[in-house]
Amino acid sequence: MFMGDASTTTEKEILSKYNLPDIDVLKVGHHGSKTSSSKDFIGEMNPKYSIISVGKKNRYGHPNKEVLDNLEKSRIYRTD
């Protein structure tokens, strides 16, 4: 599942509209910022693997620690 720049609001809409089983690969939304990848969303999607597109030592502090905590059951791959 590719999340692009989807926010937690969009995640809630996805969860309410679709019955998605556990997914294999999640392209984490918005570079792992705190405005995406909520605990509820990640818990429902339960991705085996998560990919975070992020620059090394970026000025935004991506990915956010809370997002990484939400993904603790997923194997994380990062582009930095």
Protein backbone atom coordinates (compact mmCIF):
# COMPACT_ATOMS: atom_id res chain seq x y z
CA MET A 1 0.00 0.00 0.00
CA PHE A 2 1.39 3.38 -1.06
CA MET A 3 0.30 6.19 1.25
CA GLY A 4 1.87 9.22 -0.47
CA ASP A 5 1.27 12.26 1.75
CA ALA A 6 -1.90 10.86 3.34
CA SER A 7 -2.66 12.31 6.77
CA THR A 8 -4.20 10.60 9.79
CA THR A 9 -7.57 11.96 8.60
CA THR A 10 -7.18 10.07 5.32
CA GLU A 11 -6.09 6.98 7.24
CA LYS A 12 -9.34 7.11 9.25
CA GLU A 13 -11.33 7.36 6.02
CA ILE A 14 -9.53 4.35 4.57
CA LEU A 15 -10.23 2.31 7.70
CA SER A 16 -13.92 3.26 7.70
CA LYS A 17 -14.48 2.56 3.98
CA TYR A 18 -12.42 -0.54 3.29
CA ASN A 19 -11.91 -3.90 4.91
CA LEU A 20 -8.22 -4.39 4.27
CA PRO A 21 -6.49 -7.47 5.65
CA ASP A 22 -2.95 -7.43 6.93
CA ILE A 23 -0.73 -6.06 4.20
CA ASP A 24 2.71 -7.18 3.14
CA VAL A 25 4.35 -3.84 2.28
CA LEU A 26 3.51 -0.32 3.42
CA LYS A 27 5.14 2.73 1.86
CA VAL A 28 4.93 4.92 4.96
CA GLY A 29 3.09 8.20 4.46
CA HIS A 30 4.74 11.61 4.36
CA HIS A 31 8.29 10.41 5.10
CA GLY A 32 7.22 9.12 8.50
CA SER A 33 6.07 12.50 9.80
CA LYS A 34 3.92 12.80 12.92
CA THR A 35 0.91 13.71 10.73
CA SER A 36 0.66 10.17 9.36
CA SER A 37 1.02 6.48 10.28
CA SER A 38 -1.19 6.60 13.36
CA LYS A 39 -1.14 3.77 15.88
CA ASP A 40 -4.72 2.77 14.92
CA PHE A 41 -3.93 2.70 11.21
CA ILE A 42 -0.70 0.73 11.60
CA GLY A 43 -2.42 -1.67 14.02
CA GLU A 44 -5.15 -2.41 11.47
CA MET A 45 -2.83 -2.67 8.46
CA ASN A 46 -0.23 -4.69 10.37
CA PRO A 47 2.41 -4.40 7.62
CA LYS A 48 5.12 -7.07 7.44
CA TYR A 49 7.49 -4.56 5.84
CA SER A 50 7.53 -0.78 5.91
CA ILE A 51 9.48 1.50 3.61
CA ILE A 52 10.27 5.05 4.67
CA SER A 53 11.58 7.44 2.04
CA VAL A 54 13.68 9.88 4.01
CA GLY A 55 16.85 11.90 3.59
CA LYS A 56 19.78 11.48 5.95
CA LYS A 57 19.77 14.06 8.76
CA ASN A 58 16.85 15.92 7.17
CA ARG A 59 15.79 19.21 8.72
CA TYR A 60 12.29 17.94 9.55
CA GLY A 61 13.44 15.15 11.83
CA HIS A 62 11.73 12.48 9.75
CA PRO A 63 10.87 9.81 10.55
CA ASN A 64 9.16 10.76 13.78
CA LYS A 65 9.96 8.57 16.81
CA GLU A 66 6.26 7.93 17.48
CA VAL A 67 5.81 6.62 13.92
CA LEU A 68 8.80 4.31 14.38
CA ASP A 69 7.25 3.08 17.63
CA ASN A 70 3.95 2.44 15.82
CA LEU A 71 5.86 0.33 13.29
CA GLU A 72 7.69 -1.76 15.88
CA LYS A 73 6.14 -5.03 14.63
CA SER A 74 7.10 -4.28 11.04
CA ARG A 75 10.50 -4.73 9.44
CA ILE A 76 11.52 -1.19 8.49
CA TYR A 77 13.57 -0.20 5.47
CA ARG A 78 14.73 3.40 5.09
CA THR A 79 16.28 5.26 2.20
CA ASP A 80 18.73 7.15 4.39
